């Protein structure tokens, strides 16, 4: 059984026991998080309608907070001496899917 869930504007395919990184959530390590299901595949049956998904719950346990890779940004304009250098590291929350109940 697996489900497709929405988290932070992205969609993830998850099964019980999977570890994934979602956008940062303000919770502590060890807490539980509920993820919004968009689709549920249970062997032969596929559930995609809102009425059926209202009964489905996907829970995950927070493991830790992590950071993504460093992204280097360089802005440059020719002949003006304008140069700007920046960097960014996206913050993620690592979660482990503990249950998919329908």
PDB file of N, CA and C in Angstrom:
ATOM      1  N   UNK A   1       0.851  -1.173   0.000  1.00  0.00           N
ATOM      2  CA  UNK A   1       0.000   0.000   0.000  1.00  0.00           C
ATOM      3  C   UNK A   1       0.896   1.234   0.000  1.00  0.00           C
ATOM      4  N   UNK A   2       0.534   2.206  -0.841  1.00  0.00           N
ATOM      5  CA  UNK A   2       1.243   3.470  -0.827  1.00  0.00           C
ATOM      6  C   UNK A   2       0.253   4.601  -1.051  1.00  0.00           C
ATOM      7  N   UNK A   3       0.703   5.804  -0.729  1.00  0.00           N
ATOM      8  CA  UNK A   3      -0.138   6.988  -0.886  1.00  0.00           C
ATOM      9  C   UNK A   3       0.697   8.105  -1.481  1.00  0.00           C
ATOM     10  N   UNK A   4       0.031   9.003  -2.153  1.00  0.00           N
ATOM     11  CA  UNK A   4       0.675  10.223  -2.625  1.00  0.00           C
ATOM     12  C   UNK A   4       0.143  11.339  -1.744  1.00  0.00           C
ATOM     13  N   UNK A   5       1.069  12.045  -1.064  1.00  0.00           N
ATOM     14  CA  UNK A   5       0.687  13.077  -0.106  1.00  0.00           C
ATOM     15  C   UNK A   5       1.215  14.432  -0.552  1.00  0.00           C
ATOM     16  N   UNK A   6       0.568  15.477  -0.055  1.00  0.00           N
ATOM     17  CA  UNK A   6       0.996  16.847  -0.328  1.00  0.00           C
ATOM     18  C   UNK A   6       1.673  17.409   0.911  1.00  0.00           C
ATOM     19  N   UNK A   7       2.805  18.056   0.687  1.00  0.00           N
ATOM     20  CA  UNK A   7       3.512  18.692   1.785  1.00  0.00           C
ATOM     21  C   UNK A   7       4.328  19.844   1.238  1.00  0.00           C
ATOM     22  N   UNK A   8       4.019  21.044   1.681  1.00  0.00           N
ATOM     23  CA  UNK A   8       4.787  22.203   1.269  1.00  0.00           C
ATOM     24  C   UNK A   8       4.720  22.507  -0.211  1.00  0.00           C
ATOM     25  N   UNK A   9       3.586  22.252  -0.859  1.00  0.00           N
ATOM     26  CA  UNK A   9       3.451  22.530  -2.275  1.00  0.00           C
ATOM     27  C   UNK A   9       4.034  21.451  -3.170  1.00  0.00           C
ATOM     28  N   UNK A  10       4.549  20.389  -2.595  1.00  0.00           N
ATOM     29  CA  UNK A  10       5.123  19.294  -3.369  1.00  0.00           C
ATOM     30  C   UNK A  10       4.336  18.017  -3.096  1.00  0.00           C
ATOM     31  N   UNK A  11       4.473  17.052  -3.994  1.00  0.00           N
ATOM     32  CA  UNK A  11       3.824  15.763  -3.821  1.00  0.00           C
ATOM     33  C   UNK A  11       4.881  14.688  -3.641  1.00  0.00           C
ATOM     34  N   UNK A  12       4.631  13.765  -2.710  1.00  0.00           N
ATOM     35  CA  UNK A  12       5.572  12.681  -2.415  1.00  0.00           C
ATOM     36  C   UNK A  12       4.829  11.355  -2.423  1.00  0.00           C
ATOM     37  N   UNK A  13       5.457  10.339  -2.999  1.00  0.00           N
ATOM     38  CA  UNK A  13       4.914   8.984  -2.944  1.00  0.00           C
ATOM     39  C   UNK A  13       5.510   8.315  -1.716  1.00  0.00           C
ATOM     40  N   UNK A  14       4.652   7.861  -0.788  1.00  0.00           N
ATOM     41  CA  UNK A  14       5.127   7.311   0.478  1.00  0.00           C
ATOM     42  C   UNK A  14       4.484   5.957   0.762  1.00  0.00           C
ATOM     43  N   UNK A  15       5.224   5.139   1.483  1.00  0.00           N
ATOM     44  CA  UNK A  15       4.726   3.873   2.025  1.00  0.00           C
ATOM     45  C   UNK A  15       5.168   3.835   3.490  1.00  0.00           C
ATOM     46  N   UNK A  16       4.621   2.912   4.250  1.00  0.00           N
ATOM     47  CA  UNK A  16       4.969   2.814   5.664  1.00  0.00           C
ATOM     48  C   UNK A  16       6.454   2.444   5.780  1.00  0.00           C
ATOM     49  N   UNK A  17       7.176   3.208   6.612  1.00  0.00           N
ATOM     50  CA  UNK A  17       8.597   2.968   6.816  1.00  0.00           C
ATOM     51  C   UNK A  17       9.502   3.854   5.980  1.00  0.00           C
ATOM     52  N   UNK A  18       8.945   4.586   5.013  1.00  0.00           N
ATOM     53  CA  UNK A  18       9.759   5.476   4.178  1.00  0.00           C
ATOM     54  C   UNK A  18      10.232   6.686   4.970  1.00  0.00           C
ATOM     55  N   UNK A  19      11.435   7.157   4.642  1.00  0.00           N
ATOM     56  CA  UNK A  19      11.978   8.376   5.232  1.00  0.00           C
ATOM     57  C   UNK A  19      12.076   9.400   4.114  1.00  0.00           C
ATOM     58  N   UNK A  20      11.506  10.586   4.338  1.00  0.00           N
ATOM     59  CA  UNK A  20      11.557  11.616   3.314  1.00  0.00           C
ATOM     60  C   UNK A  20      11.792  12.974   3.940  1.00  0.00           C
ATOM     61  N   UNK A  21      12.223  13.914   3.103  1.00  0.00           N
ATOM     62  CA  UNK A  21      12.459  15.277   3.556  1.00  0.00           C
ATOM     63  C   UNK A  21      11.350  16.170   3.006  1.00  0.00           C
ATOM     64  N   UNK A  22      10.665  16.858   3.921  1.00  0.00           N
ATOM     65  CA  UNK A  22       9.629  17.802   3.530  1.00  0.00           C
ATOM     66  C   UNK A  22      10.090  19.197   3.939  1.00  0.00           C
ATOM     67  N   UNK A  23       9.410  20.219   3.441  1.00  0.00           N
ATOM     68  CA  UNK A  23       9.754  21.580   3.846  1.00  0.00           C
ATOM     69  C   UNK A  23       9.613  21.712   5.356  1.00  0.00           C
ATOM     70  N   UNK A  24      10.366  22.627   5.925  1.00  0.00           N
ATOM     71  CA  UNK A  24      10.461  22.754   7.383  1.00  0.00           C
ATOM     72  C   UNK A  24       9.092  22.908   8.034  1.00  0.00           C
ATOM     73  N   UNK A  25       8.875  22.114   9.072  1.00  0.00           N
ATOM     74  CA  UNK A  25       7.657  22.144   9.879  1.00  0.00           C
ATOM     75  C   UNK A  25       8.079  22.481  11.304  1.00  0.00           C
ATOM     76  N   UNK A  26       7.357  23.360  11.952  1.00  0.00           N
ATOM     77  CA  UNK A  26       7.715  23.806  13.306  1.00  0.00           C
ATOM     78  C   UNK A  26       7.257  22.809  14.363  1.00  0.00           C
ATOM     79  N   UNK A  27       7.922  21.657  14.421  1.00  0.00           N
ATOM     80  CA  UNK A  27       7.665  20.662  15.458  1.00  0.00           C
ATOM     81  C   UNK A  27       8.997  20.111  15.938  1.00  0.00           C
ATOM     82  N   UNK A  28       8.985  19.490  17.104  1.00  0.00           N
ATOM     83  CA  UNK A  28      10.215  18.940  17.682  1.00  0.00           C
ATOM     84  C   UNK A  28      10.417  17.496  17.224  1.00  0.00           C
ATOM     85  N   UNK A  29      11.635  17.018  17.345  1.00  0.00           N
ATOM     86  CA  UNK A  29      11.951  15.632  16.993  1.00  0.00           C
ATOM     87  C   UNK A  29      11.173  14.683  17.892  1.00  0.00           C
ATOM     88  N   UNK A  30      10.604  13.652  17.309  1.00  0.00           N
ATOM     89  CA  UNK A  30       9.817  12.685  18.051  1.00  0.00           C
ATOM     90  C   UNK A  30       8.326  12.943  17.990  1.00  0.00           C
ATOM     91  N   UNK A  31       7.922  14.156  17.580  1.00  0.00           N
ATOM     92  CA  UNK A  31       6.498  14.468  17.472  1.00  0.00           C
ATOM     93  C   UNK A  31       5.901  13.821  16.228  1.00  0.00           C
ATOM     94  N   UNK A  32       4.587  13.799  16.179  1.00  0.00           N
ATOM     95  CA  UNK A  32       3.870  13.208  15.058  1.00  0.00           C
ATOM     96  C   UNK A  32       3.306  14.305  14.162  1.00  0.00           C
ATOM     97  N   UNK A  33       3.292  14.037  12.858  1.00  0.00           N
ATOM     98  CA  UNK A  33       2.797  14.991  11.869  1.00  0.00           C
ATOM     99  C   UNK A  33       1.789  14.274  10.986  1.00  0.00           C
ATOM    100  N   UNK A  34       0.688  14.934  10.647  1.00  0.00           N
ATOM    101  CA  UNK A  34      -0.302  14.377   9.727  1.00  0.00           C
ATOM    102  C   UNK A  34      -0.058  14.966   8.342  1.00  0.00           C
ATOM    103  N   UNK A  35       0.004  14.106   7.327  1.00  0.00           N
ATOM    104  CA  UNK A  35       0.214  14.541   5.953  1.00  0.00           C
ATOM    105  C   UNK A  35      -1.097  14.422   5.176  1.00  0.00           C
ATOM    106  N   UNK A  36      -1.341  15.332   4.247  1.00  0.00           N
ATOM    107  CA  UNK A  36      -2.581  15.371   3.484  1.00  0.00           C
ATOM    108  C   UNK A  36      -2.512  14.401   2.300  1.00  0.00           C
ATOM    109  N   UNK A  37      -3.362  13.363   2.259  1.00  0.00           N
ATOM    110  CA  UNK A  37      -3.312  12.421   1.138  1.00  0.00           C
ATOM    111  C   UNK A  37      -4.030  12.971  -0.093  1.00  0.00           C
ATOM    112  N   UNK A  38      -3.457  12.711  -1.281  1.00  0.00           N
ATOM    113  CA  UNK A  38      -4.073  13.084  -2.551  1.00  0.00           C
ATOM    114  C   UNK A  38      -4.552  11.862  -3.315  1.00  0.00           C
ATOM    115  N   UNK A  39      -3.911  10.725  -3.064  1.00  0.00           N
ATOM    116  CA  UNK A  39      -4.235   9.488  -3.766  1.00  0.00           C
ATOM    117  C   UNK A  39      -3.811   8.321  -2.888  1.00  0.00           C
ATOM    118  N   UNK A  40      -4.591   7.254  -2.886  1.00  0.00           N
ATOM    119  CA  UNK A  40      -4.263   6.068  -2.103  1.00  0.00           C
ATOM    120  C   UNK A  40      -4.385   4.853  -3.006  1.00  0.00           C
ATOM    121  N   UNK A  41      -3.337   4.037  -3.057  1.00  0.00           N
ATOM    122  CA  UNK A  41      -3.353   2.806  -3.835  1.00  0.00           C
ATOM    123  C   UNK A  41      -3.200   1.648  -2.854  1.00  0.00           C
ATOM    124  N   UNK A  42      -4.227   0.801  -2.810  1.00  0.00           N
ATOM    125  CA  UNK A  42      -4.244  -0.323  -1.885  1.00  0.00           C
ATOM    126  C   UNK A  42      -4.389  -1.617  -2.686  1.00  0.00           C
ATOM    127  N   UNK A  43      -3.293  -2.082  -3.261  1.00  0.00           N
ATOM    128  CA  UNK A  43      -3.347  -3.307  -4.057  1.00  0.00           C
ATOM    129  C   UNK A  43      -4.156  -3.108  -5.321  1.00  0.00           C
ATOM    130  N   UNK A  44      -5.405  -3.557  -5.318  1.00  0.00           N
ATOM    131  CA  UNK A  44      -6.277  -3.475  -6.488  1.00  0.00           C
ATOM    132  C   UNK A  44      -7.085  -2.177  -6.525  1.00  0.00           C
ATOM    133  N   UNK A  45      -7.327  -1.588  -5.386  1.00  0.00           N
ATOM    134  CA  UNK A  45      -8.230  -0.433  -5.290  1.00  0.00           C
ATOM    135  C   UNK A  45      -7.448   0.870  -5.248  1.00  0.00           C
ATOM    136  N   UNK A  46      -7.905   1.849  -6.040  1.00  0.00           N
ATOM    137  CA  UNK A  46      -7.295   3.181  -6.052  1.00  0.00           C
ATOM    138  C   UNK A  46      -8.339   4.177  -5.569  1.00  0.00           C
ATOM    139  N   UNK A  47      -7.983   4.974  -4.561  1.00  0.00           N
ATOM    140  CA  UNK A  47      -8.893   5.979  -4.012  1.00  0.00           C
ATOM    141  C   UNK A  47      -8.353   7.361  -4.347  1.00  0.00           C
ATOM    142  N   UNK A  48      -9.153   8.143  -5.093  1.00  0.00           N
ATOM    143  CA  UNK A  48      -8.715   9.484  -5.477  1.00  0.00           C
ATOM    144  C   UNK A  48      -9.772  10.546  -5.204  1.00  0.00           C
ATOM    145  N   UNK A  49     -10.996  10.135  -4.873  1.00  0.00           N
ATOM    146  CA  UNK A  49     -12.060  11.117  -4.652  1.00  0.00           C
ATOM    147  C   UNK A  49     -11.972  11.715  -3.254  1.00  0.00           C
ATOM    148  N   UNK A  50     -12.481  12.925  -3.104  1.00  0.00           N
ATOM    149  CA  UNK A  50     -12.386  13.653  -1.837  1.00  0.00           C
ATOM    150  C   UNK A  50     -13.137  12.946  -0.714  1.00  0.00           C
ATOM    151  N   UNK A  51     -14.262  12.328  -1.035  1.00  0.00           N
ATOM    152  CA  UNK A  51     -15.054  11.644  -0.020  1.00  0.00           C
ATOM    153  C   UNK A  51     -14.290  10.448   0.561  1.00  0.00           C
ATOM    154  N   UNK A  52     -13.653   9.682  -0.298  1.00  0.00           N
ATOM    155  CA  UNK A  52     -12.880   8.527   0.157  1.00  0.00           C
ATOM    156  C   UNK A  52     -11.603   8.929   0.874  1.00  0.00           C
ATOM    157  N   UNK A  53     -10.968  10.008   0.411  1.00  0.00           N
ATOM    158  CA  UNK A  53      -9.718  10.454   1.043  1.00  0.00           C
ATOM    159  C   UNK A  53      -9.956  11.128   2.384  1.00  0.00           C
ATOM    160  N   UNK A  54     -11.196  11.541   2.660  1.00  0.00           N
ATOM    161  CA  UNK A  54     -11.513  12.120   3.966  1.00  0.00           C
ATOM    162  C   UNK A  54     -11.360  11.105   5.083  1.00  0.00           C
ATOM    163  N   UNK A  55     -11.467   9.821   4.744  1.00  0.00           N
ATOM    164  CA  UNK A  55     -11.336   8.759   5.736  1.00  0.00           C
ATOM    165  C   UNK A  55      -9.896   8.276   5.891  1.00  0.00           C
ATOM    166  N   UNK A  56      -9.015   8.704   5.001  1.00  0.00           N
ATOM    167  CA  UNK A  56      -7.626   8.237   5.006  1.00  0.00           C
ATOM    168  C   UNK A  56      -6.767   9.177   5.842  1.00  0.00           C
ATOM    169  N   UNK A  57      -5.890   8.609   6.652  1.00  0.00           N
ATOM    170  CA  UNK A  57      -4.943   9.422   7.420  1.00  0.00           C
ATOM    171  C   UNK A  57      -3.541   8.866   7.233  1.00  0.00           C
ATOM    172  N   UNK A  58      -2.613   9.765   6.954  1.00  0.00           N
ATOM    173  CA  UNK A  58      -1.205   9.403   6.812  1.00  0.00           C
ATOM    174  C   UNK A  58      -0.454  10.113   7.927  1.00  0.00           C
ATOM    175  N   UNK A  59       0.208   9.338   8.792  1.00  0.00           N
ATOM    176  CA  UNK A  59       0.943   9.919   9.912  1.00  0.00           C
ATOM    177  C   UNK A  59       2.432   9.655   9.745  1.00  0.00           C
ATOM    178  N   UNK A  60       3.225  10.602  10.242  1.00  0.00           N
ATOM    179  CA  UNK A  60       4.674  10.479  10.165  1.00  0.00           C
ATOM    180  C   UNK A  60       5.287  10.996  11.457  1.00  0.00           C
ATOM    181  N   UNK A  61       6.449  10.469  11.785  1.00  0.00           N
ATOM    182  CA  UNK A  61       7.181  10.879  12.980  1.00  0.00           C
ATOM    183  C   UNK A  61       8.385  11.710  12.557  1.00  0.00           C
ATOM    184  N   UNK A  62       8.586  12.840  13.225  1.00  0.00           N
ATOM    185  CA  UNK A  62       9.697  13.728  12.904  1.00  0.00           C
ATOM    186  C   UNK A  62      10.987  13.127  13.447  1.00  0.00           C
ATOM    187  N   UNK A  63      12.000  13.032  12.573  1.00  0.00           N
ATOM    188  CA  UNK A  63      13.301  12.500  12.984  1.00  0.00           C
ATOM    189  C   UNK A  63      14.236  13.640  13.354  1.00  0.00           C
ATOM    190  N   UNK A  64      14.461  14.565  12.417  1.00  0.00           N
ATOM    191  CA  UNK A  64      15.356  15.689  12.679  1.00  0.00           C
ATOM    192  C   UNK A  64      15.154  16.773  11.633  1.00  0.00           C
ATOM    193  N   UNK A  65      15.773  17.920  11.884  1.00  0.00           N
ATOM    194  CA  UNK A  65      15.787  19.001  10.906  1.00  0.00           C
ATOM    195  C   UNK A  65      17.112  18.966  10.172  1.00  0.00           C
ATOM    196  N   UNK A  66      17.067  19.124   8.852  1.00  0.00           N
ATOM    197  CA  UNK A  66      18.272  19.094   8.029  1.00  0.00           C
ATOM    198  C   UNK A  66      18.297  20.297   7.115  1.00  0.00           C
ATOM    199  N   UNK A  67      19.420  20.454   6.415  1.00  0.00           N
ATOM    200  CA  UNK A  67      19.560  21.513   5.419  1.00  0.00           C
ATOM    201  C   UNK A  67      19.911  20.885   4.090  1.00  0.00           C
ATOM    202  N   UNK A  68      19.413  21.498   3.024  1.00  0.00           N
ATOM    203  CA  UNK A  68      19.720  21.030   1.686  1.00  0.00           C
ATOM    204  C   UNK A  68      21.087  21.511   1.237  1.00  0.00           C
ATOM    205  N   UNK A  69      21.445  21.239  -0.016  1.00  0.00           N
ATOM    206  CA  UNK A  69      22.745  21.675  -0.519  1.00  0.00           C
ATOM    207  C   UNK A  69      22.798  23.189  -0.699  1.00  0.00           C
ATOM    208  N   UNK A  70      23.997  23.745  -0.647  1.00  0.00           N
ATOM    209  CA  UNK A  70      24.186  25.185  -0.813  1.00  0.00           C
ATOM    210  C   UNK A  70      23.973  25.551  -2.281  1.00  0.00           C
ATOM    211  N   UNK A  71      23.193  26.585  -2.502  1.00  0.00           N
ATOM    212  CA  UNK A  71      22.955  27.108  -3.845  1.00  0.00           C
ATOM    213  C   UNK A  71      23.663  28.449  -3.930  1.00  0.00           C
ATOM    214  N   UNK A  72      24.527  28.610  -4.921  1.00  0.00           N
ATOM    215  CA  UNK A  72      25.271  29.851  -5.110  1.00  0.00           C
ATOM    216  C   UNK A  72      24.566  30.710  -6.145  1.00  0.00           C
ATOM    217  N   UNK A  73      24.357  31.991  -5.806  1.00  0.00           N
ATOM    218  CA  UNK A  73      23.665  32.930  -6.679  1.00  0.00           C
ATOM    219  C   UNK A  73      24.623  34.073  -6.963  1.00  0.00           C
ATOM    220  N   UNK A  74      24.810  34.400  -8.216  1.00  0.00           N
ATOM    221  CA  UNK A  74      25.684  35.495  -8.609  1.00  0.00           C
ATOM    222  C   UNK A  74      24.943  36.381  -9.584  1.00  0.00           C
ATOM    223  N   UNK A  75      24.784  37.661  -9.213  1.00  0.00           N
ATOM    224  CA  UNK A  75      24.171  38.649 -10.109  1.00  0.00           C
ATOM    225  C   UNK A  75      25.284  39.532 -10.644  1.00  0.00           C
ATOM    226  N   UNK A  76      25.258  39.796 -11.935  1.00  0.00           N
ATOM    227  CA  UNK A  76      26.330  40.553 -12.573  1.00  0.00           C
ATOM    228  C   UNK A  76      25.750  41.381 -13.704  1.00  0.00           C
ATOM    229  N   UNK A  77      26.158  42.642 -13.780  1.00  0.00           N
ATOM    230  CA  UNK A  77      25.766  43.494 -14.903  1.00  0.00           C
ATOM    231  C   UNK A  77      27.025  43.994 -15.589  1.00  0.00           C
ATOM    232  N   UNK A  78      27.026  43.858 -16.869  1.00  0.00           N
ATOM    233  CA  UNK A  78      28.187  44.212 -17.681  1.00  0.00           C
ATOM    234  C   UNK A  78      28.443  45.718 -17.688  1.00  0.00           C
ATOM    235  N   UNK A  79      29.698  46.110 -17.608  1.00  0.00           N
ATOM    236  CA  UNK A  79      30.190  47.483 -17.783  1.00  0.00           C
ATOM    237  C   UNK A  79      29.786  48.463 -16.690  1.00  0.00           C
ATOM    238  N   UNK A  80      29.162  48.000 -15.600  1.00  0.00           N
ATOM    239  CA  UNK A  80      28.730  48.924 -14.554  1.00  0.00           C
ATOM    240  C   UNK A  80      29.449  48.680 -13.229  1.00  0.00           C
ATOM    241  N   UNK A  81      30.150  47.574 -13.114  1.00  0.00           N
ATOM    242  CA  UNK A  81      30.821  47.247 -11.864  1.00  0.00           C
ATOM    243  C   UNK A  81      29.883  46.639 -10.835  1.00  0.00           C
ATOM    244  N   UNK A  82      28.641  46.333 -11.238  1.00  0.00           N
ATOM    245  CA  UNK A  82      27.672  45.744 -10.311  1.00  0.00           C
ATOM    246  C   UNK A  82      27.884  44.241 -10.242  1.00  0.00           C
ATOM    247  N   UNK A  83      28.100  43.761  -9.022  1.00  0.00           N
ATOM    248  CA  UNK A  83      28.301  42.351  -8.772  1.00  0.00           C
ATOM    249  C   UNK A  83      27.712  42.030  -7.403  1.00  0.00           C
ATOM    250  N   UNK A  84      26.913  40.997  -7.323  1.00  0.00           N
ATOM    251  CA  UNK A  84      26.314  40.622  -6.047  1.00  0.00           C
ATOM    252  C   UNK A  84      26.362  39.108  -5.922  1.00  0.00           C
ATOM    253  N   UNK A  85      26.886  38.628  -4.790  1.00  0.00           N
ATOM    254  CA  UNK A  85      27.023  37.203  -4.570  1.00  0.00           C
ATOM    255  C   UNK A  85      26.229  36.804  -3.336  1.00  0.00           C
ATOM    256  N   UNK A  86      25.395  35.788  -3.491  1.00  0.00           N
ATOM    257  CA  UNK A  86      24.562  35.321  -2.390  1.00  0.00           C
ATOM    258  C   UNK A  86      24.573  33.797  -2.358  1.00  0.00           C
ATOM    259  N   UNK A  87      24.065  33.248  -1.287  1.00  0.00           N
ATOM    260  CA  UNK A  87      23.923  31.807  -1.162  1.00  0.00           C
ATOM    261  C   UNK A  87      22.636  31.485  -0.414  1.00  0.00           C
ATOM    262  N   UNK A  88      22.204  30.238  -0.549  1.00  0.00           N
ATOM    263  CA  UNK A  88      20.968  29.820   0.105  1.00  0.00           C
ATOM    264  C   UNK A  88      21.043  28.337   0.427  1.00  0.00           C
ATOM    265  N   UNK A  89      20.560  27.959   1.613  1.00  0.00           N
ATOM    266  CA  UNK A  89      20.395  26.555   1.980  1.00  0.00           C
ATOM    267  C   UNK A  89      18.977  26.360   2.492  1.00  0.00           C
ATOM    268  N   UNK A  90      18.205  25.569   1.780  1.00  0.00           N
ATOM    269  CA  UNK A  90      16.825  25.304   2.149  1.00  0.00           C
ATOM    270  C   UNK A  90      16.792  24.419   3.393  1.00  0.00           C
ATOM    271  N   UNK A  91      15.886  24.711   4.310  1.00  0.00           N
ATOM    272  CA  UNK A  91      15.738  23.906   5.528  1.00  0.00           C
ATOM    273  C   UNK A  91      14.631  22.883   5.322  1.00  0.00           C
ATOM    274  N   UNK A  92      14.905  21.664   5.742  1.00  0.00           N
ATOM    275  CA  UNK A  92      13.973  20.558   5.593  1.00  0.00           C
ATOM    276  C   UNK A  92      13.737  19.896   6.946  1.00  0.00           C
ATOM    277  N   UNK A  93      12.632  19.172   7.044  1.00  0.00           N
ATOM    278  CA  UNK A  93      12.345  18.330   8.192  1.00  0.00           C
ATOM    279  C   UNK A  93      12.310  16.899   7.693  1.00  0.00           C
ATOM    280  N   UNK A  94      13.101  16.043   8.307  1.00  0.00           N
ATOM    281  CA  UNK A  94      13.160  14.641   7.905  1.00  0.00           C
ATOM    282  C   UNK A  94      12.124  13.880   8.716  1.00  0.00           C
ATOM    283  N   UNK A  95      11.238  13.158   8.020  1.00  0.00           N
ATOM    284  CA  UNK A  95      10.159  12.424   8.689  1.00  0.00           C
ATOM    285  C   UNK A  95      10.155  10.967   8.233  1.00  0.00           C
ATOM    286  N   UNK A  96       9.641  10.104   9.113  1.00  0.00           N
ATOM    287  CA  UNK A  96       9.478   8.695   8.791  1.00  0.00           C
ATOM    288  C   UNK A  96       7.987   8.377   8.849  1.00  0.00           C
ATOM    289  N   UNK A  97       7.451   7.806   7.779  1.00  0.00           N
ATOM    290  CA  UNK A  97       6.022   7.490   7.698  1.00  0.00           C
ATOM    291  C   UNK A  97       5.741   6.300   8.606  1.00  0.00           C
ATOM    292  N   UNK A  98       4.828   6.495   9.540  1.00  0.00           N
ATOM    293  CA  UNK A  98       4.524   5.448  10.518  1.00  0.00           C
ATOM    294  C   UNK A  98       3.222   4.716  10.232  1.00  0.00           C
ATOM    295  N   UNK A  99       2.302   5.340   9.508  1.00  0.00           N
ATOM    296  CA  UNK A  99       1.041   4.652   9.255  1.00  0.00           C
ATOM    297  C   UNK A  99       0.213   5.281   8.161  1.00  0.00           C
ATOM    298  N   UNK A 100      -0.460   4.400   7.416  1.00  0.00           N
ATOM    299  CA  UNK A 100      -1.460   4.813   6.424  1.00  0.00           C
ATOM    300  C   UNK A 100      -2.719   4.030   6.750  1.00  0.00           C
ATOM    301  N   UNK A 101      -3.724   4.725   7.276  1.00  0.00           N
ATOM    302  CA  UNK A 101      -4.969   4.066   7.658  1.00  0.00           C
ATOM    303  C   UNK A 101      -6.113   4.573   6.811  1.00  0.00           C
ATOM    304  N   UNK A 102      -6.890   3.651   6.299  1.00  0.00           N
ATOM    305  CA  UNK A 102      -8.052   4.062   5.495  1.00  0.00           C
ATOM    306  C   UNK A 102      -9.343   3.631   6.151  1.00  0.00           C
TER     307      UNK A 102
END
